[in-house]
PDB file of all heavy atoms in Angstrom:
ATOM      1  N   LEU A   1     -21.503  -5.884  62.309  1.00  0.00           N
ATOM      2  CA  LEU A   1     -21.255  -6.418  63.644  1.00  0.00           C
ATOM      3  C   LEU A   1     -19.787  -6.697  63.898  1.00  0.00           C
ATOM      4  O   LEU A   1     -19.378  -6.890  65.036  1.00  0.00           O
ATOM      5  CB  LEU A   1     -22.050  -7.711  63.840  1.00  0.00           C
ATOM      6  CG  LEU A   1     -23.567  -7.588  63.708  1.00  0.00           C
ATOM      7  CD1 LEU A   1     -24.196  -8.965  63.810  1.00  0.00           C
ATOM      8  CD2 LEU A   1     -24.131  -6.666  64.772  1.00  0.00           C
ATOM      9  N   VAL A   2     -18.974  -6.738  62.834  1.00  0.00           N
ATOM     10  CA  VAL A   2     -17.574  -7.105  62.976  1.00  0.00           C
ATOM     11  C   VAL A   2     -16.794  -6.155  63.872  1.00  0.00           C
ATOM     12  O   VAL A   2     -16.086  -6.579  64.786  1.00  0.00           O
ATOM     13  CB  VAL A   2     -16.898  -7.244  61.596  1.00  0.00           C
ATOM     14  CG1 VAL A   2     -15.396  -7.500  61.753  1.00  0.00           C
ATOM     15  CG2 VAL A   2     -17.560  -8.353  60.807  1.00  0.00           C
ATOM     16  N   PRO A   3     -16.881  -4.815  63.654  1.00  0.00           N
ATOM     17  CA  PRO A   3     -16.125  -3.923  64.538  1.00  0.00           C
ATOM     18  C   PRO A   3     -16.512  -4.080  65.999  1.00  0.00           C
ATOM     19  O   PRO A   3     -15.663  -4.035  66.886  1.00  0.00           O
ATOM     20  CB  PRO A   3     -16.481  -2.528  64.009  1.00  0.00           C
ATOM     21  CG  PRO A   3     -16.882  -2.748  62.591  1.00  0.00           C
ATOM     22  CD  PRO A   3     -17.580  -4.075  62.604  1.00  0.00           C
ATOM     23  N   ALA A   4     -17.818  -4.268  66.251  1.00  0.00           N
ATOM     24  CA  ALA A   4     -18.266  -4.430  67.624  1.00  0.00           C
ATOM     25  C   ALA A   4     -17.706  -5.694  68.240  1.00  0.00           C
ATOM     26  O   ALA A   4     -17.369  -5.741  69.422  1.00  0.00           O
ATOM     27  CB  ALA A   4     -19.796  -4.460  67.665  1.00  0.00           C
ATOM     28  N   PHE A   5     -17.562  -6.756  67.420  1.00  0.00           N
ATOM     29  CA  PHE A   5     -17.022  -8.024  67.914  1.00  0.00           C
ATOM     30  C   PHE A   5     -15.573  -7.860  68.379  1.00  0.00           C
ATOM     31  O   PHE A   5     -15.196  -8.266  69.464  1.00  0.00           O
ATOM     32  CB  PHE A   5     -17.105  -9.080  66.815  1.00  0.00           C
ATOM     33  CG  PHE A   5     -16.328 -10.322  67.122  1.00  0.00           C
ATOM     34  CD1 PHE A   5     -16.818 -11.252  68.032  1.00  0.00           C
ATOM     35  CD2 PHE A   5     -15.111 -10.568  66.510  1.00  0.00           C
ATOM     36  CE1 PHE A   5     -16.109 -12.402  68.317  1.00  0.00           C
ATOM     37  CE2 PHE A   5     -14.400 -11.705  66.795  1.00  0.00           C
ATOM     38  CZ  PHE A   5     -14.908 -12.627  67.700  1.00  0.00           C
ATOM     39  N   PHE A   6     -14.742  -7.191  67.525  1.00  0.00           N
ATOM     40  CA  PHE A   6     -13.351  -7.004  67.894  1.00  0.00           C
ATOM     41  C   PHE A   6     -13.195  -6.052  69.068  1.00  0.00           C
ATOM     42  O   PHE A   6     -12.308  -6.202  69.890  1.00  0.00           O
ATOM     43  CB  PHE A   6     -12.541  -6.491  66.697  1.00  0.00           C
ATOM     44  CG  PHE A   6     -12.257  -7.555  65.692  1.00  0.00           C
ATOM     45  CD1 PHE A   6     -12.833  -7.526  64.437  1.00  0.00           C
ATOM     46  CD2 PHE A   6     -11.409  -8.603  66.003  1.00  0.00           C
ATOM     47  CE1 PHE A   6     -12.572  -8.523  63.521  1.00  0.00           C
ATOM     48  CE2 PHE A   6     -11.133  -9.595  65.091  1.00  0.00           C
ATOM     49  CZ  PHE A   6     -11.726  -9.549  63.844  1.00  0.00           C
ATOM     50  N   ALA A   7     -14.086  -5.032  69.162  1.00  0.00           N
ATOM     51  CA  ALA A   7     -14.009  -4.087  70.268  1.00  0.00           C
ATOM     52  C   ALA A   7     -14.291  -4.763  71.597  1.00  0.00           C
ATOM     53  O   ALA A   7     -13.805  -4.352  72.647  1.00  0.00           O
ATOM     54  CB  ALA A   7     -15.004  -2.943  70.044  1.00  0.00           C
ATOM     55  N   ALA A   8     -15.090  -5.839  71.543  1.00  0.00           N
ATOM     56  CA  ALA A   8     -15.462  -6.534  72.777  1.00  0.00           C
ATOM     57  C   ALA A   8     -14.406  -7.506  73.252  1.00  0.00           C
ATOM     58  O   ALA A   8     -14.469  -7.998  74.377  1.00  0.00           O
ATOM     59  CB  ALA A   8     -16.785  -7.287  72.564  1.00  0.00           C
ATOM     60  N   LEU A   9     -13.424  -7.811  72.410  1.00  0.00           N
ATOM     61  CA  LEU A   9     -12.385  -8.746  72.820  1.00  0.00           C
ATOM     62  C   LEU A   9     -11.534  -8.151  73.929  1.00  0.00           C
ATOM     63  O   LEU A   9     -11.258  -6.952  73.953  1.00  0.00           O
ATOM     64  CB  LEU A   9     -11.476  -9.093  71.629  1.00  0.00           C
ATOM     65  CG  LEU A   9     -12.098  -9.986  70.550  1.00  0.00           C
ATOM     66  CD1 LEU A   9     -11.123 -10.130  69.400  1.00  0.00           C
ATOM     67  CD2 LEU A   9     -12.471 -11.342  71.104  1.00  0.00           C
ATOM     68  N   ALA A  10     -11.107  -9.006  74.858  1.00  0.00           N
ATOM     69  CA  ALA A  10     -10.254  -8.542  75.944  1.00  0.00           C
ATOM     70  C   ALA A  10      -8.919  -8.090  75.397  1.00  0.00           C
ATOM     71  O   ALA A  10      -8.459  -8.592  74.369  1.00  0.00           O
ATOM     72  CB  ALA A  10     -10.049  -9.671  76.956  1.00  0.00           C
ATOM     73  N   PRO A  11      -8.259  -7.130  76.050  1.00  0.00           N
ATOM     74  CA  PRO A  11      -6.935  -6.679  75.587  1.00  0.00           C
ATOM     75  C   PRO A  11      -5.967  -7.849  75.471  1.00  0.00           C
ATOM     76  O   PRO A  11      -5.853  -8.662  76.366  1.00  0.00           O
ATOM     77  CB  PRO A  11      -6.498  -5.706  76.711  1.00  0.00           C
ATOM     78  CG  PRO A  11      -7.779  -5.241  77.334  1.00  0.00           C
ATOM     79  CD  PRO A  11      -8.726  -6.407  77.237  1.00  0.00           C
ATOM     80  N   GLY A  12      -5.240  -7.899  74.366  1.00  0.00           N
ATOM     81  CA  GLY A  12      -4.264  -8.968  74.154  1.00  0.00           C
ATOM     82  C   GLY A  12      -4.832 -10.158  73.422  1.00  0.00           C
ATOM     83  O   GLY A  12      -4.101 -10.979  72.910  1.00  0.00           O
ATOM     84  N   THR A  13      -6.182 -10.278  73.362  1.00  0.00           N
ATOM     85  CA  THR A  13      -6.777 -11.440  72.711  1.00  0.00           C
ATOM     86  C   THR A  13      -6.507 -11.433  71.226  1.00  0.00           C
ATOM     87  O   THR A  13      -6.209 -12.456  70.624  1.00  0.00           O
ATOM     88  CB  THR A  13      -8.293 -11.473  72.963  1.00  0.00           C
ATOM     89  OG1 THR A  13      -8.520 -11.471  74.368  1.00  0.00           O
ATOM     90  CG2 THR A  13      -8.897 -12.707  72.340  1.00  0.00           C
ATOM     91  N   ILE A  14      -6.596 -10.270  70.608  1.00  0.00           N
ATOM     92  CA  ILE A  14      -6.380 -10.181  69.166  1.00  0.00           C
ATOM     93  C   ILE A  14      -4.963 -10.619  68.817  1.00  0.00           C
ATOM     94  O   ILE A  14      -4.730 -11.367  67.874  1.00  0.00           O
ATOM     95  CB  ILE A  14      -6.640  -8.746  68.680  1.00  0.00           C
ATOM     96  CG1 ILE A  14      -8.118  -8.390  68.876  1.00  0.00           C
ATOM     97  CG2 ILE A  14      -6.267  -8.609  67.206  1.00  0.00           C
ATOM     98  CD1 ILE A  14      -8.454  -6.969  68.473  1.00  0.00           C
ATOM     99  N   GLY A  15      -3.975 -10.165  69.641  1.00  0.00           N
ATOM    100  CA  GLY A  15      -2.603 -10.564  69.382  1.00  0.00           C
ATOM    101  C   GLY A  15      -2.411 -12.046  69.529  1.00  0.00           C
ATOM    102  O   GLY A  15      -1.684 -12.673  68.780  1.00  0.00           O
ATOM    103  N   ALA A  16      -3.086 -12.646  70.506  1.00  0.00           N
ATOM    104  CA  ALA A  16      -2.960 -14.082  70.728  1.00  0.00           C
ATOM    105  C   ALA A  16      -3.520 -14.861  69.559  1.00  0.00           C
ATOM    106  O   ALA A  16      -3.080 -15.964  69.257  1.00  0.00           O
ATOM    107  CB  ALA A  16      -3.690 -14.481  72.016  1.00  0.00           C
ATOM    108  N   LEU A  17      -4.510 -14.280  68.878  1.00  0.00           N
ATOM    109  CA  LEU A  17      -5.099 -14.952  67.723  1.00  0.00           C
ATOM    110  C   LEU A  17      -4.289 -14.722  66.455  1.00  0.00           C
ATOM    111  O   LEU A  17      -4.621 -15.233  65.401  1.00  0.00           O
ATOM    112  CB  LEU A  17      -6.531 -14.449  67.502  1.00  0.00           C
ATOM    113  CG  LEU A  17      -7.537 -14.808  68.605  1.00  0.00           C
ATOM    114  CD1 LEU A  17      -8.876 -14.124  68.322  1.00  0.00           C
ATOM    115  CD2 LEU A  17      -7.723 -16.304  68.698  1.00  0.00           C
ATOM    116  N   GLY A  18      -3.249 -13.898  66.558  1.00  0.00           N
ATOM    117  CA  GLY A  18      -2.418 -13.641  65.393  1.00  0.00           C
ATOM    118  C   GLY A  18      -3.030 -12.632  64.457  1.00  0.00           C
ATOM    119  O   GLY A  18      -2.695 -12.587  63.275  1.00  0.00           O
ATOM    120  N   LEU A  19      -3.944 -11.774  64.944  1.00  0.00           N
ATOM    121  CA  LEU A  19      -4.633 -10.839  64.081  1.00  0.00           C
ATOM    122  C   LEU A  19      -3.917  -9.499  63.975  1.00  0.00           C
ATOM    123  O   LEU A  19      -4.285  -8.674  63.159  1.00  0.00           O
ATOM    124  CB  LEU A  19      -6.062 -10.613  64.607  1.00  0.00           C
ATOM    125  CG  LEU A  19      -6.916 -11.881  64.679  1.00  0.00           C
ATOM    126  CD1 LEU A  19      -8.247 -11.576  65.337  1.00  0.00           C
ATOM    127  CD2 LEU A  19      -7.140 -12.458  63.297  1.00  0.00           C
ATOM    128  N   THR A  20      -2.932  -9.259  64.810  1.00  0.00           N
ATOM    129  CA  THR A  20      -2.178  -8.018  64.758  1.00  0.00           C
ATOM    130  C   THR A  20      -0.786  -8.275  65.304  1.00  0.00           C
ATOM    131  O   THR A  20      -0.608  -9.073  66.224  1.00  0.00           O
ATOM    132  CB  THR A  20      -2.865  -6.910  65.582  1.00  0.00           C
ATOM    133  OG1 THR A  20      -2.015  -5.754  65.573  1.00  0.00           O
ATOM    134  CG2 THR A  20      -3.081  -7.341  67.010  1.00  0.00           C
ATOM    135  N   PRO A  21       0.247  -7.596  64.776  1.00  0.00           N
ATOM    136  CA  PRO A  21       1.602  -7.792  65.278  1.00  0.00           C
ATOM    137  C   PRO A  21       1.928  -6.906  66.468  1.00  0.00           C
ATOM    138  O   PRO A  21       3.079  -6.827  66.881  1.00  0.00           O
ATOM    139  CB  PRO A  21       2.465  -7.416  64.062  1.00  0.00           C
ATOM    140  CG  PRO A  21       1.663  -6.375  63.361  1.00  0.00           C
ATOM    141  CD  PRO A  21       0.205  -6.797  63.542  1.00  0.00           C
ATOM    142  N   ALA A  22       0.925  -6.220  67.048  1.00  0.00           N
ATOM    143  CA  ALA A  22       1.200  -5.269  68.126  1.00  0.00           C
ATOM    144  C   ALA A  22       1.902  -5.914  69.308  1.00  0.00           C
ATOM    145  O   ALA A  22       2.746  -5.306  69.954  1.00  0.00           O
ATOM    146  CB  ALA A  22      -0.112  -4.627  68.587  1.00  0.00           C
ATOM    147  N   ALA A  23       1.548  -7.186  69.608  1.00  0.00           N
ATOM    148  CA  ALA A  23       2.128  -7.849  70.777  1.00  0.00           C
ATOM    149  C   ALA A  23       3.622  -8.067  70.638  1.00  0.00           C
ATOM    150  O   ALA A  23       4.317  -8.289  71.612  1.00  0.00           O
ATOM    151  CB  ALA A  23       1.431  -9.185  71.017  1.00  0.00           C
ATOM    152  N   ARG A  24       4.157  -7.999  69.411  1.00  0.00           N
ATOM    153  CA  ARG A  24       5.565  -8.265  69.212  1.00  0.00           C
ATOM    154  C   ARG A  24       6.451  -7.215  69.859  1.00  0.00           C
ATOM    155  O   ARG A  24       7.634  -7.416  70.026  1.00  0.00           O
ATOM    156  CB  ARG A  24       5.867  -8.360  67.721  1.00  0.00           C
ATOM    157  CG  ARG A  24       5.049  -9.446  67.034  1.00  0.00           C
ATOM    158  CD  ARG A  24       5.843 -10.175  66.016  1.00  0.00           C
ATOM    159  NE  ARG A  24       5.147 -11.328  65.510  1.00  0.00           N
ATOM    160  CZ  ARG A  24       5.601 -12.050  64.507  1.00  0.00           C
ATOM    161  NH1 ARG A  24       6.718 -11.727  63.932  1.00  0.00           N
ATOM    162  NH2 ARG A  24       4.937 -13.108  64.104  1.00  0.00           N
TER     163      ARG A  24
END
């Protein structure tokens, strides 16, 4: 279920959570 959970996150949410450096 993990991939589906991250796929459902709104754009930019992952970066805000500190899960990826893409927002930098």
